[in-house]
Amino acid sequence: MKDGGPVFPSQEIVPHEDGNERLRQHLGMTVRDYFAAAALPVCILGQFETAKIGALHGDDVVVADAYRYADAMLAEREKA
């Protein structure tokens, strides 16, 4: 599955024990994780709405919904 690549990659130069400097890369989270995190509040709110009618789902379902939204956003992004 494609994850969209890193969202906030960065680099920094850090000292090394041998006295030289090294380039350290931080890839950050993936676009898929970023999209899922953005969708999660809506999924949680949806959980409260379904709880009102007695259809409470577990946290795993709510999180899976967030990743389904993320996957749909990635698929739509590929079309552009």
PDB file of N, CA and C in Angstrom:
ATOM      1  N   MET A   1       0.841  -1.176   0.000  1.00  0.00           N
ATOM      2  CA  MET A   1       0.000   0.000   0.000  1.00  0.00           C
ATOM      3  C   MET A   1       0.883   1.236   0.000  1.00  0.00           C
ATOM      4  N   LYS A   2       0.516   2.182  -0.823  1.00  0.00           N
ATOM      5  CA  LYS A   2       1.253   3.435  -0.863  1.00  0.00           C
ATOM      6  C   LYS A   2       0.869   4.284   0.342  1.00  0.00           C
ATOM      7  N   ASP A   3       1.872   4.939   0.934  1.00  0.00           N
ATOM      8  CA  ASP A   3       1.597   5.764   2.116  1.00  0.00           C
ATOM      9  C   ASP A   3       1.751   7.248   1.826  1.00  0.00           C
ATOM     10  N   GLY A   4       2.059   7.604   0.582  1.00  0.00           N
ATOM     11  CA  GLY A   4       2.185   9.014   0.220  1.00  0.00           C
ATOM     12  C   GLY A   4       3.540   9.618   0.496  1.00  0.00           C
ATOM     13  N   GLY A   5       4.442   8.868   1.109  1.00  0.00           N
ATOM     14  CA  GLY A   5       5.761   9.401   1.444  1.00  0.00           C
ATOM     15  C   GLY A   5       5.741  10.208   2.731  1.00  0.00           C
ATOM     16  N   PRO A   6       6.871  10.786   3.085  1.00  0.00           N
ATOM     17  CA  PRO A   6       6.952  11.541   4.336  1.00  0.00           C
ATOM     18  C   PRO A   6       6.246  12.893   4.240  1.00  0.00           C
ATOM     19  N   VAL A   7       5.718  13.355   5.357  1.00  0.00           N
ATOM     20  CA  VAL A   7       5.029  14.644   5.404  1.00  0.00           C
ATOM     21  C   VAL A   7       6.004  15.774   5.724  1.00  0.00           C
ATOM     22  N   PHE A   8       6.753  15.631   6.773  1.00  0.00           N
ATOM     23  CA  PHE A   8       7.627  16.708   7.240  1.00  0.00           C
ATOM     24  C   PHE A   8       9.083  16.237   7.352  1.00  0.00           C
ATOM     25  N   PRO A   9       9.692  15.845   6.238  1.00  0.00           N
ATOM     26  CA  PRO A   9      11.080  15.403   6.339  1.00  0.00           C
ATOM     27  C   PRO A   9      11.995  16.573   6.698  1.00  0.00           C
ATOM     28  N   SER A  10      13.058  16.267   7.400  1.00  0.00           N
ATOM     29  CA  SER A  10      14.017  17.309   7.761  1.00  0.00           C
ATOM     30  C   SER A  10      15.401  16.692   7.872  1.00  0.00           C
ATOM     31  N   GLN A  11      16.392  17.553   7.881  1.00  0.00           N
ATOM     32  CA  GLN A  11      17.773  17.117   8.031  1.00  0.00           C
ATOM     33  C   GLN A  11      18.466  18.039   9.032  1.00  0.00           C
ATOM     34  N   GLU A  12      19.448  17.491   9.703  1.00  0.00           N
ATOM     35  CA  GLU A  12      20.254  18.315  10.596  1.00  0.00           C
ATOM     36  C   GLU A  12      21.664  17.755  10.630  1.00  0.00           C
ATOM     37  N   ILE A  13      22.598  18.623  10.860  1.00  0.00           N
ATOM     38  CA  ILE A  13      23.989  18.212  10.991  1.00  0.00           C
ATOM     39  C   ILE A  13      24.282  18.076  12.477  1.00  0.00           C
ATOM     40  N   VAL A  14      24.783  16.906  12.858  1.00  0.00           N
ATOM     41  CA  VAL A  14      25.042  16.631  14.272  1.00  0.00           C
ATOM     42  C   VAL A  14      26.489  16.184  14.453  1.00  0.00           C
ATOM     43  N   PRO A  15      27.072  16.516  15.602  1.00  0.00           N
ATOM     44  CA  PRO A  15      28.440  16.055  15.864  1.00  0.00           C
ATOM     45  C   PRO A  15      28.470  14.541  16.072  1.00  0.00           C
ATOM     46  N   HIS A  16      29.551  13.937  15.652  1.00  0.00           N
ATOM     47  CA  HIS A  16      29.732  12.493  15.820  1.00  0.00           C
ATOM     48  C   HIS A  16      30.878  12.269  16.798  1.00  0.00           C
ATOM     49  N   GLU A  17      30.900  11.107  17.409  1.00  0.00           N
ATOM     50  CA  GLU A  17      31.925  10.812  18.424  1.00  0.00           C
ATOM     51  C   GLU A  17      33.339  10.823  17.854  1.00  0.00           C
ATOM     52  N   ASP A  18      33.505  10.674  16.531  1.00  0.00           N
ATOM     53  CA  ASP A  18      34.844  10.699  15.942  1.00  0.00           C
ATOM     54  C   ASP A  18      35.342  12.116  15.659  1.00  0.00           C
ATOM     55  N   GLY A  19      34.546  13.126  16.067  1.00  0.00           N
ATOM     56  CA  GLY A  19      34.941  14.516  15.882  1.00  0.00           C
ATOM     57  C   GLY A  19      34.408  15.130  14.592  1.00  0.00           C
ATOM     58  N   ASN A  20      33.899  14.321  13.698  1.00  0.00           N
ATOM     59  CA  ASN A  20      33.323  14.832  12.458  1.00  0.00           C
ATOM     60  C   ASN A  20      31.828  15.082  12.646  1.00  0.00           C
ATOM     61  N   GLU A  21      31.258  15.685  11.652  1.00  0.00           N
ATOM     62  CA  GLU A  21      29.818  15.911  11.682  1.00  0.00           C
ATOM     63  C   GLU A  21      29.127  14.924  10.755  1.00  0.00           C
ATOM     64  N   ARG A  22      27.888  14.600  11.082  1.00  0.00           N
ATOM     65  CA  ARG A  22      27.091  13.678  10.269  1.00  0.00           C
ATOM     66  C   ARG A  22      25.753  14.341   9.954  1.00  0.00           C
ATOM     67  N   LEU A  23      25.217  13.970   8.821  1.00  0.00           N
ATOM     68  CA  LEU A  23      23.892  14.438   8.435  1.00  0.00           C
ATOM     69  C   LEU A  23      22.868  13.427   8.948  1.00  0.00           C
ATOM     70  N   ARG A  24      21.951  13.894   9.751  1.00  0.00           N
ATOM     71  CA  ARG A  24      20.894  13.027  10.279  1.00  0.00           C
ATOM     72  C   ARG A  24      19.584  13.419   9.597  1.00  0.00           C
ATOM     73  N   GLN A  25      18.887  12.422   9.081  1.00  0.00           N
ATOM     74  CA  GLN A  25      17.617  12.674   8.414  1.00  0.00           C
ATOM     75  C   GLN A  25      16.468  12.166   9.266  1.00  0.00           C
ATOM     76  N   HIS A  26      15.420  12.952   9.326  1.00  0.00           N
ATOM     77  CA  HIS A  26      14.187  12.570  10.010  1.00  0.00           C
ATOM     78  C   HIS A  26      13.089  12.583   8.956  1.00  0.00           C
ATOM     79  N   LEU A  27      12.486  11.442   8.719  1.00  0.00           N
ATOM     80  CA  LEU A  27      11.464  11.380   7.689  1.00  0.00           C
ATOM     81  C   LEU A  27      10.114  11.868   8.176  1.00  0.00           C
ATOM     82  N   GLY A  28       9.858  11.810   9.445  1.00  0.00           N
ATOM     83  CA  GLY A  28       8.565  12.244   9.955  1.00  0.00           C
ATOM     84  C   GLY A  28       7.480  11.217   9.665  1.00  0.00           C
ATOM     85  N   MET A  29       6.256  11.607   9.858  1.00  0.00           N
ATOM     86  CA  MET A  29       5.146  10.688   9.622  1.00  0.00           C
ATOM     87  C   MET A  29       4.827  10.624   8.139  1.00  0.00           C
ATOM     88  N   THR A  30       4.076   9.609   7.750  1.00  0.00           N
ATOM     89  CA  THR A  30       3.684   9.476   6.357  1.00  0.00           C
ATOM     90  C   THR A  30       2.455  10.338   6.070  1.00  0.00           C
ATOM     91  N   VAL A  31       2.241  10.597   4.799  1.00  0.00           N
ATOM     92  CA  VAL A  31       1.051  11.349   4.395  1.00  0.00           C
ATOM     93  C   VAL A  31      -0.202  10.591   4.832  1.00  0.00           C
ATOM     94  N   ARG A  32      -0.169   9.263   4.740  1.00  0.00           N
ATOM     95  CA  ARG A  32      -1.326   8.448   5.147  1.00  0.00           C
ATOM     96  C   ARG A  32      -1.637   8.667   6.632  1.00  0.00           C
ATOM     97  N   ASP A  33      -0.603   8.640   7.471  1.00  0.00           N
ATOM     98  CA  ASP A  33      -0.814   8.885   8.903  1.00  0.00           C
ATOM     99  C   ASP A  33      -1.321  10.304   9.151  1.00  0.00           C
ATOM    100  N   TYR A  34      -0.797  11.263   8.414  1.00  0.00           N
ATOM    101  CA  TYR A  34      -1.225  12.650   8.560  1.00  0.00           C
ATOM    102  C   TYR A  34      -2.698  12.802   8.189  1.00  0.00           C
ATOM    103  N   PHE A  35      -3.091  12.201   7.057  1.00  0.00           N
ATOM    104  CA  PHE A  35      -4.495  12.257   6.644  1.00  0.00           C
ATOM    105  C   PHE A  35      -5.390  11.564   7.665  1.00  0.00           C
ATOM    106  N   ALA A  36      -4.949  10.411   8.181  1.00  0.00           N
ATOM    107  CA  ALA A  36      -5.749   9.688   9.177  1.00  0.00           C
ATOM    108  C   ALA A  36      -5.904  10.521  10.449  1.00  0.00           C
ATOM    109  N   ALA A  37      -4.833  11.184  10.861  1.00  0.00           N
ATOM    110  CA  ALA A  37      -4.906  12.031  12.053  1.00  0.00           C
ATOM    111  C   ALA A  37      -5.876  13.197  11.832  1.00  0.00           C
ATOM    112  N   ALA A  38      -5.895  13.724  10.604  1.00  0.00           N
ATOM    113  CA  ALA A  38      -6.814  14.818  10.291  1.00  0.00           C
ATOM    114  C   ALA A  38      -8.262  14.329  10.269  1.00  0.00           C
ATOM    115  N   ALA A  39      -8.482  13.102   9.833  1.00  0.00           N
ATOM    116  CA  ALA A  39      -9.839  12.547   9.746  1.00  0.00           C
ATOM    117  C   ALA A  39     -10.349  12.038  11.092  1.00  0.00           C
ATOM    118  N   LEU A  40      -9.465  11.720  12.005  1.00  0.00           N
ATOM    119  CA  LEU A  40      -9.859  11.091  13.266  1.00  0.00           C
ATOM    120  C   LEU A  40     -10.892  11.891  14.064  1.00  0.00           C
ATOM    121  N   PRO A  41     -10.764  13.211  14.201  1.00  0.00           N
ATOM    122  CA  PRO A  41     -11.799  13.933  14.969  1.00  0.00           C
ATOM    123  C   PRO A  41     -13.202  13.761  14.392  1.00  0.00           C
ATOM    124  N   VAL A  42     -13.308  13.738  13.065  1.00  0.00           N
ATOM    125  CA  VAL A  42     -14.616  13.538  12.435  1.00  0.00           C
ATOM    126  C   VAL A  42     -15.139  12.134  12.744  1.00  0.00           C
ATOM    127  N   CYS A  43     -14.245  11.159  12.713  1.00  0.00           N
ATOM    128  CA  CYS A  43     -14.651   9.785  13.022  1.00  0.00           C
ATOM    129  C   CYS A  43     -15.098   9.662  14.478  1.00  0.00           C
ATOM    130  N   ILE A  44     -14.413  10.353  15.366  1.00  0.00           N
ATOM    131  CA  ILE A  44     -14.792  10.324  16.781  1.00  0.00           C
ATOM    132  C   ILE A  44     -16.154  10.985  16.976  1.00  0.00           C
ATOM    133  N   LEU A  45     -16.353  12.127  16.310  1.00  0.00           N
ATOM    134  CA  LEU A  45     -17.660  12.782  16.398  1.00  0.00           C
ATOM    135  C   LEU A  45     -18.760  11.877  15.851  1.00  0.00           C
ATOM    136  N   GLY A  46     -18.465  11.174  14.778  1.00  0.00           N
ATOM    137  CA  GLY A  46     -19.426  10.220  14.221  1.00  0.00           C
ATOM    138  C   GLY A  46     -19.748   9.122  15.211  1.00  0.00           C
ATOM    139  N   GLN A  47     -18.755   8.730  15.998  1.00  0.00           N
ATOM    140  CA  GLN A  47     -18.959   7.713  17.023  1.00  0.00           C
ATOM    141  C   GLN A  47     -19.957   8.211  18.068  1.00  0.00           C
ATOM    142  N   PHE A  48     -19.859   9.478  18.447  1.00  0.00           N
ATOM    143  CA  PHE A  48     -20.812  10.035  19.412  1.00  0.00           C
ATOM    144  C   PHE A  48     -22.216  10.063  18.836  1.00  0.00           C
ATOM    145  N   GLU A  49     -22.321  10.384  17.553  1.00  0.00           N
ATOM    146  CA  GLU A  49     -23.635  10.419  16.914  1.00  0.00           C
ATOM    147  C   GLU A  49     -24.251   9.021  16.852  1.00  0.00           C
ATOM    148  N   THR A  50     -23.451   7.996  16.517  1.00  0.00           N
ATOM    149  CA  THR A  50     -24.004   6.641  16.457  1.00  0.00           C
ATOM    150  C   THR A  50     -24.325   6.123  17.858  1.00  0.00           C
ATOM    151  N   ALA A  51     -23.600   6.614  18.867  1.00  0.00           N
ATOM    152  CA  ALA A  51     -23.888   6.196  20.246  1.00  0.00           C
ATOM    153  C   ALA A  51     -25.270   6.667  20.674  1.00  0.00           C
ATOM    154  N   LYS A  52     -25.707   7.796  20.125  1.00  0.00           N
ATOM    155  CA  LYS A  52     -27.026   8.317  20.467  1.00  0.00           C
ATOM    156  C   LYS A  52     -28.145   7.379  20.033  1.00  0.00           C
ATOM    157  N   ILE A  53     -27.882   6.604  18.978  1.00  0.00           N
ATOM    158  CA  ILE A  53     -28.912   5.658  18.510  1.00  0.00           C
ATOM    159  C   ILE A  53     -28.605   4.227  18.957  1.00  0.00           C
ATOM    160  N   GLY A  54     -27.613   4.100  19.827  1.00  0.00           N
ATOM    161  CA  GLY A  54     -27.314   2.800  20.417  1.00  0.00           C
ATOM    162  C   GLY A  54     -26.420   1.909  19.582  1.00  0.00           C
ATOM    163  N   ALA A  55     -25.709   2.473  18.626  1.00  0.00           N
ATOM    164  CA  ALA A  55     -24.842   1.668  17.765  1.00  0.00           C
ATOM    165  C   ALA A  55     -23.377   1.976  18.034  1.00  0.00           C
ATOM    166  N   LEU A  56     -22.962   1.825  19.274  1.00  0.00           N
ATOM    167  CA  LEU A  56     -21.598   2.159  19.669  1.00  0.00           C
ATOM    168  C   LEU A  56     -20.610   1.140  19.110  1.00  0.00           C
ATOM    169  N   HIS A  57     -19.552   1.631  18.500  1.00  0.00           N
ATOM    170  CA  HIS A  57     -18.493   0.771  17.969  1.00  0.00           C
ATOM    171  C   HIS A  57     -17.257   0.907  18.843  1.00  0.00           C
ATOM    172  N   GLY A  58     -16.374  -0.059  18.742  1.00  0.00           N
ATOM    173  CA  GLY A  58     -15.130  -0.002  19.497  1.00  0.00           C
ATOM    174  C   GLY A  58     -14.153   0.986  18.886  1.00  0.00           C
ATOM    175  N   ASP A  59     -13.122   1.331  19.653  1.00  0.00           N
ATOM    176  CA  ASP A  59     -12.104   2.266  19.179  1.00  0.00           C
ATOM    177  C   ASP A  59     -11.440   1.774  17.899  1.00  0.00           C
ATOM    178  N   ASP A  60     -11.272   0.455  17.772  1.00  0.00           N
ATOM    179  CA  ASP A  60     -10.625  -0.085  16.580  1.00  0.00           C
ATOM    180  C   ASP A  60     -11.411   0.244  15.315  1.00  0.00           C
ATOM    181  N   VAL A  61     -12.721   0.281  15.415  1.00  0.00           N
ATOM    182  CA  VAL A  61     -13.562   0.622  14.258  1.00  0.00           C
ATOM    183  C   VAL A  61     -13.397   2.102  13.920  1.00  0.00           C
ATOM    184  N   VAL A  62     -13.343   2.947  14.936  1.00  0.00           N
ATOM    185  CA  VAL A  62     -13.187   4.391  14.724  1.00  0.00           C
ATOM    186  C   VAL A  62     -11.846   4.679  14.051  1.00  0.00           C
ATOM    187  N   VAL A  63     -10.785   4.052  14.524  1.00  0.00           N
ATOM    188  CA  VAL A  63      -9.458   4.252  13.944  1.00  0.00           C
ATOM    189  C   VAL A  63      -9.406   3.690  12.522  1.00  0.00           C
ATOM    190  N   ALA A  64     -10.006   2.536  12.300  1.00  0.00           N
ATOM    191  CA  ALA A  64     -10.051   1.960  10.958  1.00  0.00           C
ATOM    192  C   ALA A  64     -10.788   2.901  10.007  1.00  0.00           C
ATOM    193  N   ASP A  65     -11.845   3.552  10.482  1.00  0.00           N
ATOM    194  CA  ASP A  65     -12.563   4.527   9.657  1.00  0.00           C
ATOM    195  C   ASP A  65     -11.645   5.682   9.266  1.00  0.00           C
ATOM    196  N   ALA A  66     -10.840   6.160  10.205  1.00  0.00           N
ATOM    197  CA  ALA A  66      -9.915   7.259   9.910  1.00  0.00           C
ATOM    198  C   ALA A  66      -8.944   6.856   8.811  1.00  0.00           C
ATOM    199  N   TYR A  67      -8.444   5.629   8.865  1.00  0.00           N
ATOM    200  CA  TYR A  67      -7.521   5.173   7.822  1.00  0.00           C
ATOM    201  C   TYR A  67      -8.247   4.910   6.504  1.00  0.00           C
ATOM    202  N   ARG A  68      -9.512   4.553   6.546  1.00  0.00           N
ATOM    203  CA  ARG A  68     -10.277   4.426   5.299  1.00  0.00           C
ATOM    204  C   ARG A  68     -10.405   5.790   4.626  1.00  0.00           C
ATOM    205  N   TYR A  69     -10.673   6.828   5.419  1.00  0.00           N
ATOM    206  CA  TYR A  69     -10.703   8.184   4.864  1.00  0.00           C
ATOM    207  C   TYR A  69      -9.334   8.555   4.287  1.00  0.00           C
ATOM    208  N   ALA A  70      -8.287   8.235   5.027  1.00  0.00           N
ATOM    209  CA  ALA A  70      -6.933   8.548   4.562  1.00  0.00           C
ATOM    210  C   ALA A  70      -6.638   7.845   3.243  1.00  0.00           C
ATOM    211  N   ASP A  71      -7.008   6.573   3.137  1.00  0.00           N
ATOM    212  CA  ASP A  71      -6.773   5.828   1.903  1.00  0.00           C
ATOM    213  C   ASP A  71      -7.561   6.421   0.739  1.00  0.00           C
ATOM    214  N   ALA A  72      -8.787   6.881   1.022  1.00  0.00           N
ATOM    215  CA  ALA A  72      -9.583   7.516  -0.025  1.00  0.00           C
ATOM    216  C   ALA A  72      -8.949   8.832  -0.466  1.00  0.00           C
ATOM    217  N   MET A  73      -8.394   9.580   0.491  1.00  0.00           N
ATOM    218  CA  MET A  73      -7.735  10.840   0.136  1.00  0.00           C
ATOM    219  C   MET A  73      -6.475  10.584  -0.691  1.00  0.00           C
ATOM    220  N   LEU A  74      -5.719   9.538  -0.334  1.00  0.00           N
ATOM    221  CA  LEU A  74      -4.532   9.193  -1.111  1.00  0.00           C
ATOM    222  C   LEU A  74      -4.913   8.768  -2.528  1.00  0.00           C
ATOM    223  N   ALA A  75      -5.977   7.994  -2.661  1.00  0.00           N
ATOM    224  CA  ALA A  75      -6.436   7.550  -3.976  1.00  0.00           C
ATOM    225  C   ALA A  75      -6.853   8.742  -4.835  1.00  0.00           C
ATOM    226  N   GLU A  76      -7.549   9.680  -4.221  1.00  0.00           N
ATOM    227  CA  GLU A  76      -7.986  10.871  -4.954  1.00  0.00           C
ATOM    228  C   GLU A  76      -6.774  11.719  -5.350  1.00  0.00           C
ATOM    229  N   ARG A  77      -5.811  11.779  -4.482  1.00  0.00           N
ATOM    230  CA  ARG A  77      -4.579  12.537  -4.744  1.00  0.00           C
ATOM    231  C   ARG A  77      -3.831  11.959  -5.937  1.00  0.00           C
ATOM    232  N   GLU A  78      -3.870  10.651  -6.105  1.00  0.00           N
ATOM    233  CA  GLU A  78      -3.187   9.995  -7.218  1.00  0.00           C
ATOM    234  C   GLU A  78      -3.828  10.361  -8.562  1.00  0.00           C
ATOM    235  N   LYS A  79      -5.104  10.720  -8.547  1.00  0.00           N
ATOM    236  CA  LYS A  79      -5.804  11.066  -9.778  1.00  0.00           C
ATOM    237  C   LYS A  79      -5.367  12.416 -10.338  1.00  0.00           C
ATOM    238  N   ALA A  80      -4.895  13.273  -9.454  1.00  0.00           N
ATOM    239  CA  ALA A  80      -4.534  14.640  -9.875  1.00  0.00           C
ATOM    240  C   ALA A  80      -3.273  14.667 -10.715  1.00  0.00           C
TER     241      ALA A  80
END
